[in-house]
C-alpha atoms as a PDB file:
ATOM      1  CA  MET A   1      12.133   2.097 -12.995  1.00  0.00           C
ATOM      2  CA  PHE A   2      10.499   0.983  -9.732  1.00  0.00           C
ATOM      3  CA  PRO A   3      11.151   1.193  -5.960  1.00  0.00           C
ATOM      4  CA  ILE A   4      12.793  -1.682  -4.103  1.00  0.00           C
ATOM      5  CA  ALA A   5      13.353  -0.281  -0.568  1.00  0.00           C
ATOM      6  CA  ASP A   6      13.410   2.893   1.512  1.00  0.00           C
ATOM      7  CA  ASP A   7      15.860   4.316   4.051  1.00  0.00           C
ATOM      8  CA  ASN A   8      13.232   4.808   6.740  1.00  0.00           C
ATOM      9  CA  PRO A   9      13.577   2.274   9.609  1.00  0.00           C
ATOM     10  CA  THR A  10      11.120   1.799  12.485  1.00  0.00           C
ATOM     11  CA  HIS A  11      11.433   0.068  15.862  1.00  0.00           C
ATOM     12  CA  SER A  12       8.002  -1.567  15.767  1.00  0.00           C
ATOM     13  CA  SER A  13       7.134  -4.780  13.929  1.00  0.00           C
ATOM     14  CA  PRO A  14       4.666  -4.154  11.069  1.00  0.00           C
ATOM     15  CA  ILE A  15       2.504  -7.143  11.881  1.00  0.00           C
ATOM     16  CA  VAL A  16      -0.551  -5.847  10.003  1.00  0.00           C
ATOM     17  CA  THR A  17       1.505  -5.148   6.880  1.00  0.00           C
ATOM     18  CA  TRP A  18       2.910  -8.674   7.053  1.00  0.00           C
ATOM     19  CA  PHE A  19      -0.580 -10.079   7.630  1.00  0.00           C
ATOM     20  CA  LEU A  20      -2.012  -8.255   4.609  1.00  0.00           C
ATOM     21  CA  ILE A  21       0.825  -9.505   2.416  1.00  0.00           C
ATOM     22  CA  ALA A  22       0.471 -13.064   3.733  1.00  0.00           C
ATOM     23  CA  ILE A  23      -3.293 -13.271   3.249  1.00  0.00           C
ATOM     24  CA  SER A  24      -3.060 -11.765  -0.255  1.00  0.00           C
ATOM     25  CA  VAL A  25      -0.401 -14.304  -1.243  1.00  0.00           C
ATOM     26  CA  ALA A  26      -2.402 -17.165   0.305  1.00  0.00           C
ATOM     27  CA  ILE A  27      -5.578 -16.213  -1.554  1.00  0.00           C
ATOM     28  CA  PHE A  28      -3.661 -15.911  -4.820  1.00  0.00           C
ATOM     29  CA  ALA A  29      -2.153 -19.361  -4.252  1.00  0.00           C
ATOM     30  CA  TRP A  30      -5.686 -20.691  -3.741  1.00  0.00           C
ATOM     31  CA  GLN A  31      -6.802 -18.979  -6.971  1.00  0.00           C
ATOM     32  CA  THR A  32      -4.041 -20.663  -8.953  1.00  0.00           C
ATOM     33  CA  SER A  33      -5.259 -24.069  -7.771  1.00  0.00           C
ATOM     34  CA  LEU A  34      -8.683 -23.493  -9.360  1.00  0.00           C
ATOM     35  CA  PRO A  35      -9.765 -24.067 -12.978  1.00  0.00           C
ATOM     36  CA  ASP A  36     -10.020 -20.889 -15.062  1.00  0.00           C
ATOM     37  CA  SER A  37     -13.804 -21.094 -15.165  1.00  0.00           C
ATOM     38  CA  VAL A  38     -13.977 -21.191 -11.366  1.00  0.00           C
ATOM     39  CA  VAL A  39     -11.541 -18.281 -11.042  1.00  0.00           C
ATOM     40  CA  GLU A  40     -13.819 -16.233 -13.284  1.00  0.00           C
ATOM     41  CA  THR A  41     -16.734 -17.082 -11.009  1.00  0.00           C
ATOM     42  CA  VAL A  42     -14.689 -16.016  -7.980  1.00  0.00           C
ATOM     43  CA  PHE A  43     -13.934 -12.648  -9.604  1.00  0.00           C
ATOM     44  CA  ILE A  44     -17.604 -12.087 -10.461  1.00  0.00           C
ATOM     45  CA  THR A  45     -18.716 -13.073  -6.967  1.00  0.00           C
ATOM     46  CA  TYR A  46     -16.101 -11.306  -4.844  1.00  0.00           C
ATOM     47  CA  GLY A  47     -14.877  -8.572  -7.187  1.00  0.00           C
ATOM     48  CA  ALA A  48     -16.343  -5.060  -6.933  1.00  0.00           C
ATOM     49  CA  ILE A  49     -18.727  -4.669  -9.896  1.00  0.00           C
ATOM     50  CA  PRO A  50     -19.893  -1.031 -10.233  1.00  0.00           C
ATOM     51  CA  ALA A  51     -23.282  -1.969 -11.702  1.00  0.00           C
ATOM     52  CA  ASN A  52     -24.095  -4.144  -8.686  1.00  0.00           C
ATOM     53  CA  ILE A  53     -22.988  -1.517  -6.190  1.00  0.00           C
ATOM     54  CA  PHE A  54     -24.698   1.461  -7.823  1.00  0.00           C
ATOM     55  CA  GLY A  55     -28.059  -0.160  -8.478  1.00  0.00           C
ATOM     56  CA  SER A  56     -27.868  -1.700 -11.955  1.00  0.00           C
ATOM     57  CA  PRO A  57     -27.435  -5.415 -11.137  1.00  0.00           C
ATOM     58  CA  THR A  58     -25.711  -7.588 -13.711  1.00  0.00           C
ATOM     59  CA  GLY A  59     -27.919 -10.582 -12.906  1.00  0.00           C
ATOM     60  CA  ALA A  60     -25.340 -12.458 -10.843  1.00  0.00           C
ATOM     61  CA  VAL A  61     -26.754 -13.688  -7.531  1.00  0.00           C
ATOM     62  CA  LEU A  62     -24.377 -12.823  -4.702  1.00  0.00           C
ATOM     63  CA  PRO A  63     -24.327 -14.616  -1.333  1.00  0.00           C
ATOM     64  CA  PHE A  64     -23.964 -11.267   0.455  1.00  0.00           C
ATOM     65  CA  PRO A  65     -24.744  -7.570  -0.139  1.00  0.00           C
ATOM     66  CA  PRO A  66     -22.734  -6.180  -3.090  1.00  0.00           C
ATOM     67  CA  GLU A  67     -21.235  -3.514  -0.829  1.00  0.00           C
ATOM     68  CA  MET A  68     -19.203  -6.267   0.834  1.00  0.00           C
ATOM     69  CA  THR A  69     -17.270  -6.735  -2.393  1.00  0.00           C
ATOM     70  CA  LEU A  70     -15.666  -3.339  -1.775  1.00  0.00           C
ATOM     71  CA  VAL A  71     -13.582  -5.181   0.831  1.00  0.00           C
ATOM     72  CA  SER A  72     -13.345  -8.706  -0.594  1.00  0.00           C
ATOM     73  CA  SER A  73     -12.086  -7.386  -3.947  1.00  0.00           C
ATOM     74  CA  GLN A  74      -8.997  -5.957  -2.231  1.00  0.00           C
ATOM     75  CA  PHE A  75      -7.622  -9.456  -1.656  1.00  0.00           C
ATOM     76  CA  LEU A  76      -7.995 -10.827  -5.198  1.00  0.00           C
ATOM     77  CA  HIS A  77      -5.392 -10.435  -7.940  1.00  0.00           C
ATOM     78  CA  GLY A  78      -5.429 -11.176 -11.623  1.00  0.00           C
ATOM     79  CA  GLY A  79      -1.898 -12.485 -12.023  1.00  0.00           C
ATOM     80  CA  LEU A  80       1.545 -12.862 -10.493  1.00  0.00           C
ATOM     81  CA  MET A  81       2.780  -9.463 -11.701  1.00  0.00           C
ATOM     82  CA  HIS A  82      -0.384  -7.817 -10.368  1.00  0.00           C
ATOM     83  CA  LEU A  83       0.146  -9.407  -6.966  1.00  0.00           C
ATOM     84  CA  GLY A  84       3.913  -8.891  -6.887  1.00  0.00           C
ATOM     85  CA  GLY A  85       3.778  -5.198  -7.757  1.00  0.00           C
ATOM     86  CA  ASN A  86       1.126  -4.466  -5.158  1.00  0.00           C
ATOM     87  CA  MET A  87       2.856  -6.414  -2.387  1.00  0.00           C
ATOM     88  CA  LEU A  88       6.224  -4.796  -3.149  1.00  0.00           C
ATOM     89  CA  TYR A  89       4.762  -1.317  -2.675  1.00  0.00           C
ATOM     90  CA  LEU A  90       2.978  -2.427   0.509  1.00  0.00           C
ATOM     91  CA  TYR A  91       6.202  -3.962   1.845  1.00  0.00           C
ATOM     92  CA  ILE A  92       8.201  -0.794   1.224  1.00  0.00           C
ATOM     93  CA  PHE A  93       5.762   1.860   2.409  1.00  0.00           C
ATOM     94  CA  GLY A  94       3.315   0.054   4.689  1.00  0.00           C
ATOM     95  CA  ASP A  95       5.483  -0.423   7.776  1.00  0.00           C
ATOM     96  CA  ASN A  96       6.166   3.283   8.304  1.00  0.00           C
ATOM     97  CA  VAL A  97       2.520   4.257   7.950  1.00  0.00           C
ATOM     98  CA  GLU A  98       1.569   1.428  10.296  1.00  0.00           C
ATOM     99  CA  ALA A  99       4.101   2.718  12.839  1.00  0.00           C
ATOM    100  CA  ALA A 100       2.576   6.196  12.633  1.00  0.00           C
ATOM    101  CA  MET A 101      -0.955   4.877  13.211  1.00  0.00           C
ATOM    102  CA  GLY A 102      -0.641   1.755  15.302  1.00  0.00           C
ATOM    103  CA  HIS A 103      -1.669  -1.709  14.190  1.00  0.00           C
ATOM    104  CA  LEU A 104      -5.472  -1.673  14.401  1.00  0.00           C
ATOM    105  CA  ARG A 105      -5.830   1.871  13.114  1.00  0.00           C
ATOM    106  CA  PHE A 106      -3.637   1.019  10.163  1.00  0.00           C
ATOM    107  CA  LEU A 107      -5.786  -2.006   9.313  1.00  0.00           C
ATOM    108  CA  ALA A 108      -8.927   0.136   9.410  1.00  0.00           C
ATOM    109  CA  PHE A 109      -7.223   2.863   7.373  1.00  0.00           C
ATOM    110  CA  TYR A 110      -6.108   0.361   4.728  1.00  0.00           C
ATOM    111  CA  LEU A 111      -9.582  -1.097   4.272  1.00  0.00           C
ATOM    112  CA  VAL A 112     -11.331   2.299   4.242  1.00  0.00           C
ATOM    113  CA  ALA A 113      -8.880   3.679   1.676  1.00  0.00           C
ATOM    114  CA  GLY A 114      -9.530   0.617  -0.492  1.00  0.00           C
ATOM    115  CA  VAL A 115     -13.289   1.129  -0.248  1.00  0.00           C
ATOM    116  CA  VAL A 116     -12.990   4.812  -1.223  1.00  0.00           C
ATOM    117  CA  ALA A 117     -10.738   3.862  -4.141  1.00  0.00           C
ATOM    118  CA  ALA A 118     -13.268   1.314  -5.436  1.00  0.00           C
ATOM    119  CA  LEU A 119     -16.135   3.781  -5.044  1.00  0.00           C
ATOM    120  CA  THR A 120     -14.174   6.408  -6.973  1.00  0.00           C
ATOM    121  CA  HIS A 121     -13.765   4.050  -9.900  1.00  0.00           C
ATOM    122  CA  GLY A 122     -17.330   2.767  -9.640  1.00  0.00           C
ATOM    123  CA  ALA A 123     -18.875   6.239  -9.509  1.00  0.00           C
ATOM    124  CA  LEU A 124     -17.309   6.982 -12.890  1.00  0.00           C
ATOM    125  CA  ALA A 125     -18.442   3.681 -14.435  1.00  0.00           C
ATOM    126  CA  GLN A 126     -21.753   2.938 -12.765  1.00  0.00           C
ATOM    127  CA  ALA A 127     -23.076   0.756 -15.590  1.00  0.00           C
ATOM    128  CA  SER A 128     -19.933  -1.357 -15.872  1.00  0.00           C
ATOM    129  CA  GLY A 129     -20.276  -5.073 -15.288  1.00  0.00           C
ATOM    130  CA  ILE A 130     -16.515  -5.649 -15.146  1.00  0.00           C
ATOM    131  CA  PRO A 131     -15.316  -6.722 -11.666  1.00  0.00           C
ATOM    132  CA  MET A 132     -12.557  -4.635 -10.145  1.00  0.00           C
ATOM    133  CA  ILE A 133     -10.001  -6.595  -8.129  1.00  0.00           C
ATOM    134  CA  GLY A 134      -6.695  -5.904  -6.438  1.00  0.00           C
ATOM    135  CA  ALA A 135      -5.133  -4.156  -3.459  1.00  0.00           C
ATOM    136  CA  SER A 136      -3.771  -1.215  -5.437  1.00  0.00           C
ATOM    137  CA  GLY A 137      -6.534   1.177  -4.342  1.00  0.00           C
ATOM    138  CA  ALA A 138      -5.831   0.519  -0.661  1.00  0.00           C
ATOM    139  CA  ILE A 139      -2.080   0.673  -1.223  1.00  0.00           C
ATOM    140  CA  SER A 140      -2.522   3.970  -3.048  1.00  0.00           C
ATOM    141  CA  GLY A 141      -3.997   5.261   0.208  1.00  0.00           C
ATOM    142  CA  VAL A 142      -0.854   4.086   2.015  1.00  0.00           C
ATOM    143  CA  LEU A 143       1.259   6.002  -0.501  1.00  0.00           C
ATOM    144  CA  GLY A 144      -0.772   9.172   0.027  1.00  0.00           C
ATOM    145  CA  ALA A 145      -0.292   8.952   3.797  1.00  0.00           C
ATOM    146  CA  TYR A 146       3.420   8.193   3.396  1.00  0.00           C
ATOM    147  CA  LEU A 147       3.875  11.290   1.248  1.00  0.00           C
ATOM    148  CA  LEU A 148       2.485  13.555   3.976  1.00  0.00           C
ATOM    149  CA  LEU A 149       4.441  11.841   6.757  1.00  0.00           C
ATOM    150  CA  TYR A 150       7.837  11.153   5.189  1.00  0.00           C
ATOM    151  CA  PRO A 151       8.323  13.264   2.043  1.00  0.00           C
ATOM    152  CA  HIS A 152      12.092  13.479   2.612  1.00  0.00           C
ATOM    153  CA  ALA A 153      12.691   9.755   3.173  1.00  0.00           C
ATOM    154  CA  ARG A 154      15.022   8.259   0.597  1.00  0.00           C
ATOM    155  CA  VAL A 155      13.460   5.624  -1.644  1.00  0.00           C
ATOM    156  CA  ARG A 156      15.766   3.269  -3.521  1.00  0.00           C
ATOM    157  CA  ILE A 157      14.813   3.033  -7.179  1.00  0.00           C
ATOM    158  CA  LEU A 158      15.949   0.266  -9.508  1.00  0.00           C
ATOM    159  CA  PHE A 159      16.647   1.647 -12.973  1.00  0.00           C
ATOM    160  CA  LEU A 160      16.481  -1.133 -15.542  1.00  0.00           C
ATOM    161  CA  PRO A 161      16.467   0.190 -19.135  1.00  0.00           C
ATOM    162  CA  LEU A 162      15.263  -2.926 -20.947  1.00  0.00           C
ATOM    163  CA  PRO A 163      16.272  -4.512 -23.256  1.00  0.00           C
ATOM    164  CA  ILE A 164      19.746  -3.257 -22.286  1.00  0.00           C
ATOM    165  CA  PRO A 165      21.254  -5.671 -19.706  1.00  0.00           C
ATOM    166  CA  PHE A 166      22.205  -2.899 -17.282  1.00  0.00           C
ATOM    167  CA  PHE A 167      20.772  -1.700 -14.010  1.00  0.00           C
ATOM    168  CA  LYS A 168      21.557   0.915 -11.394  1.00  0.00           C
ATOM    169  CA  ILE A 169      20.035   1.811  -8.026  1.00  0.00           C
ATOM    170  CA  PHE A 170      19.328   5.427  -7.109  1.00  0.00           C
ATOM    171  CA  ALA A 171      18.183   6.954  -3.801  1.00  0.00           C
ATOM    172  CA  VAL A 172      15.459   9.530  -4.481  1.00  0.00           C
ATOM    173  CA  PRO A 173      13.308  11.554  -2.017  1.00  0.00           C
ATOM    174  CA  ALA A 174       9.860  10.069  -1.516  1.00  0.00           C
ATOM    175  CA  ILE A 175       8.167  13.318  -2.533  1.00  0.00           C
ATOM    176  CA  ILE A 176       9.658  12.937  -6.012  1.00  0.00           C
ATOM    177  CA  VAL A 177       8.976   9.190  -6.334  1.00  0.00           C
ATOM    178  CA  LEU A 178       5.383   9.397  -5.124  1.00  0.00           C
ATOM    179  CA  GLY A 179       4.731  12.703  -6.863  1.00  0.00           C
ATOM    180  CA  ILE A 180       5.749  11.213 -10.207  1.00  0.00           C
ATOM    181  CA  TRP A 181       3.743   8.068  -9.470  1.00  0.00           C
ATOM    182  CA  PHE A 182       0.594  10.078  -8.740  1.00  0.00           C
ATOM    183  CA  ALA A 183       1.069  12.258 -11.831  1.00  0.00           C
ATOM    184  CA  ILE A 184       1.309   9.130 -14.003  1.00  0.00           C
ATOM    185  CA  GLN A 185      -1.857   7.700 -12.473  1.00  0.00           C
ATOM    186  CA  PHE A 186      -3.782  10.951 -12.909  1.00  0.00           C
ATOM    187  CA  VAL A 187      -2.750  11.480 -16.526  1.00  0.00           C
ATOM    188  CA  SER A 188      -3.451   7.828 -17.343  1.00  0.00           C
ATOM    189  CA  ALA A 189      -6.889   8.127 -15.733  1.00  0.00           C
ATOM    190  CA  ALA A 190      -7.679  11.296 -17.658  1.00  0.00           C
ATOM    191  CA  TYR A 191      -6.899   9.615 -20.995  1.00  0.00           C
ATOM    192  CA  SER A 192      -8.592   6.253 -20.377  1.00  0.00           C
ATOM    193  CA  SER A 193     -12.188   5.128 -20.056  1.00  0.00           C
ATOM    194  CA  PRO A 194     -13.169   3.895 -16.573  1.00  0.00           C
ATOM    195  CA  GLU A 195     -15.811   1.640 -18.142  1.00  0.00           C
ATOM    196  CA  GLY A 196     -13.268  -0.409 -20.052  1.00  0.00           C
ATOM    197  CA  GLY A 197     -11.109  -3.217 -18.708  1.00  0.00           C
ATOM    198  CA  GLY A 198      -7.496  -2.939 -17.699  1.00  0.00           C
ATOM    199  CA  VAL A 199      -6.001  -0.807 -14.941  1.00  0.00           C
ATOM    200  CA  ALA A 200      -8.484   1.140 -12.807  1.00  0.00           C
ATOM    201  CA  PHE A 201      -6.442   4.352 -12.720  1.00  0.00           C
ATOM    202  CA  TRP A 202      -9.212   6.367 -11.061  1.00  0.00           C
ATOM    203  CA  ALA A 203      -9.141   3.913  -8.165  1.00  0.00           C
ATOM    204  CA  HIS A 204      -5.455   4.726  -7.717  1.00  0.00           C
ATOM    205  CA  VAL A 205      -6.175   8.448  -7.790  1.00  0.00           C
ATOM    206  CA  GLY A 206      -9.092   8.137  -5.384  1.00  0.00           C
ATOM    207  CA  GLY A 207      -7.149   5.912  -3.007  1.00  0.00           C
ATOM    208  CA  PHE A 208      -4.150   8.254  -2.952  1.00  0.00           C
ATOM    209  CA  VAL A 209      -6.277  11.304  -2.184  1.00  0.00           C
ATOM    210  CA  ALA A 210      -8.240   9.332   0.411  1.00  0.00           C
ATOM    211  CA  GLY A 211      -4.998   8.377   2.140  1.00  0.00           C
ATOM    212  CA  MET A 212      -4.026  12.027   2.549  1.00  0.00           C
ATOM    213  CA  VAL A 213      -7.493  13.080   3.699  1.00  0.00           C
ATOM    214  CA  LEU A 214      -7.895  10.179   6.148  1.00  0.00           C
ATOM    215  CA  LEU A 215      -4.424  10.470   7.673  1.00  0.00           C
ATOM    216  CA  PRO A 216      -5.377  13.038  10.376  1.00  0.00           C
ATOM    217  CA  LEU A 217      -8.150  10.731  11.567  1.00  0.00           C
ATOM    218  CA  PHE A 218      -5.929   7.670  11.933  1.00  0.00           C
ATOM    219  CA  LYS A 219      -2.408   8.770  12.849  1.00  0.00           C
ATOM    220  CA  GLN A 220      -1.360   8.808  16.489  1.00  0.00           C
ATOM    221  CA  ARG A 221      -1.143  12.062  18.393  1.00  0.00           C
ATOM    222  CA  GLY A 222       2.314  13.529  18.374  1.00  0.00           C
ATOM    223  CA  VAL A 223       3.272  12.048  15.021  1.00  0.00           C
ATOM    224  CA  PRO A 224       4.239  15.059  12.892  1.00  0.00           C
ATOM    225  CA  TYR A 225       3.690  15.676   9.212  1.00  0.00           C
ATOM    226  CA  TRP A 226       6.553  16.289   6.776  1.00  0.00           C
ATOM    227  CA  GLN A 227       9.155  14.594   8.944  1.00  0.00           C
ATOM    228  CA  SER A 228      12.787  15.340   8.156  1.00  0.00           C
ATOM    229  CA  PRO A 229      15.312  12.553   7.508  1.00  0.00           C
ATOM    230  CA  SER A 230      16.701  13.068  11.033  1.00  0.00           C
ATOM    231  CA  ALA A 231      13.319  12.666  12.738  1.00  0.00           C
ATOM    232  CA  GLU A 232      13.183  10.237  15.651  1.00  0.00           C
ATOM    233  CA  VAL A 233      12.165   6.694  14.852  1.00  0.00           C
ATOM    234  CA  ILE A 234       8.578   5.919  15.828  1.00  0.00           C
ATOM    235  CA  ASP A 235       8.158   3.140  18.401  1.00  0.00           C
ATOM    236  CA  THR A 236       4.603   1.868  18.895  1.00  0.00           C
ATOM    237  CA  ARG A 237       5.506  -1.073  21.114  1.00  0.00           C
ATOM    238  CA  ARG A 238       4.723   0.800  24.355  1.00  0.00           C
ATOM    239  CA  PRO A 239       3.935   4.353  25.511  1.00  0.00           C
ATOM    240  CA  PRO A 240       7.091   6.292  26.465  1.00  0.00           C
ATOM    241  CA  GLY A 241       7.874   6.692  30.138  1.00  0.00           C
ATOM    242  CA  PRO A 242       9.411   9.765  31.792  1.00  0.00           C
ATOM    243  CA  TRP A 243      12.951   8.502  31.149  1.00  0.00           C
ATOM    244  CA  THR A 244      12.308   6.901  27.776  1.00  0.00           C
ATOM    245  CA  ARG A 245      13.533   8.450  24.565  1.00  0.00           C
ATOM    246  CA  VAL A 246      12.872   6.840  21.222  1.00  0.00           C
ATOM    247  CA  ASP A 247      15.735   7.635  18.902  1.00  0.00           C
ATOM    248  CA  ALA A 248      17.474   5.776  16.111  1.00  0.00           C
ATOM    249  CA  ARG A 249      20.959   6.708  17.320  1.00  0.00           C
ATOM    250  CA  GLU A 250      20.812   6.650  21.143  1.00  0.00           C
ATOM    251  CA  ASP A 251      19.727   3.971  23.593  1.00  0.00           C
ATOM    252  CA  HIS A 252      17.047   4.572  26.228  1.00  0.00           C
ATOM    253  CA  ARG A 253      19.676   5.648  28.784  1.00  0.00           C
ATOM    254  CA  GLY A 254      20.686   8.637  26.646  1.00  0.00           C
ATOM    255  CA  GLY A 255      24.275   7.464  26.403  1.00  0.00           C
ATOM    256  CA  GLU A 256      26.403   6.390  23.488  1.00  0.00           C
ATOM    257  CA  PRO A 257      24.773   4.901  20.395  1.00  0.00           C
ATOM    258  CA  SER A 258      23.468   1.384  20.969  1.00  0.00           C
ATOM    259  CA  ARG A 259      24.693  -0.979  18.279  1.00  0.00           C
ATOM    260  CA  ASP A 260      22.345  -3.738  19.406  1.00  0.00           C
ATOM    261  CA  ASN A 261      19.101  -1.768  19.515  1.00  0.00           C
ATOM    262  CA  ALA A 262      19.569   0.752  16.733  1.00  0.00           C
ATOM    263  CA  PRO A 263      17.954  -0.177  13.451  1.00  0.00           C
ATOM    264  CA  SER A 264      20.080  -0.460  10.376  1.00  0.00           C
ATOM    265  CA  GLY A 265      20.366   2.497   8.048  1.00  0.00           C
ATOM    266  CA  ARG A 266      17.622   1.191   5.812  1.00  0.00           C
ATOM    267  CA  LYS A 267      15.150  -1.577   5.457  1.00  0.00           C
ATOM    268  CA  ARG A 268      16.340  -4.504   3.460  1.00  0.00           C
ATOM    269  CA  GLY A 269      14.843  -4.918   0.048  1.00  0.00           C
ATOM    270  CA  PRO A 270      14.323  -8.119  -1.898  1.00  0.00           C
ATOM    271  CA  TRP A 271      17.666  -7.676  -3.692  1.00  0.00           C
ATOM    272  CA  ASP A 272      19.844  -7.306  -0.579  1.00  0.00           C
ATOM    273  CA  ASN A 273      22.595  -9.846   0.043  1.00  0.00           C
ATOM    274  CA  ALA A 274      21.434 -10.927   3.500  1.00  0.00           C
ATOM    275  CA  GLY A 275      19.160 -13.627   2.139  1.00  0.00           C
ATOM    276  CA  GLU A 276      15.645 -13.884   0.876  1.00  0.00           C
ATOM    277  CA  ARG A 277      12.635 -12.942   2.965  1.00  0.00           C
END
């Protein structure tokens, strides 16, 4: 059971979200072109190793301060499923948070949330020499911000009870989807060792909480919390003028609904029939 889209359109183009997805995919493509031994060296060099960050160096000589790996590690992934899952969540939830913050603020928010997520994991495993990689900590911050901004938005969930060849799509409020997701991460973190390999659940928890705490510092003025499904669509392309109204159902002249300018009822997901993205 995993999300594939949300019914929460925006007028602005999420150029930072697209950029983050593109650069993550490009770096992963570069990784796949390297021999396994070189990929391991890349992870050790650019991954966030708690022992290096918290003062117990592993012996590896880095070309830059180890604190820089708190950022570089966010763009490395360990496999196609790791990359695909992270980018799917960023695609679904990133554009709305970017619209609420603006492009540059969203980029800063994303990176800061990822740093806090890595520090959360590292603080609980300070002697670990295992590099932490992946964008999931930063994306967890995006999910935390989304929860506070759009808890009533409908998220489309694909239910696929393997190995039964059957699937169904449900529309579920974001507060339920993200609430369940966070509960799973927290319980998994509580029953796993942060010093072992595998999923860094505490990074997910730390990133999610950081996203909620950082939201007031990064969102634009006038963007409300806990928006209802009928809330006006956010448009960050230009500041509104005295006769400008940003609404999903009416054009800027306040007349009848504009079929050309109004966004569709929901964002297209990767399984829509309108073609691949």
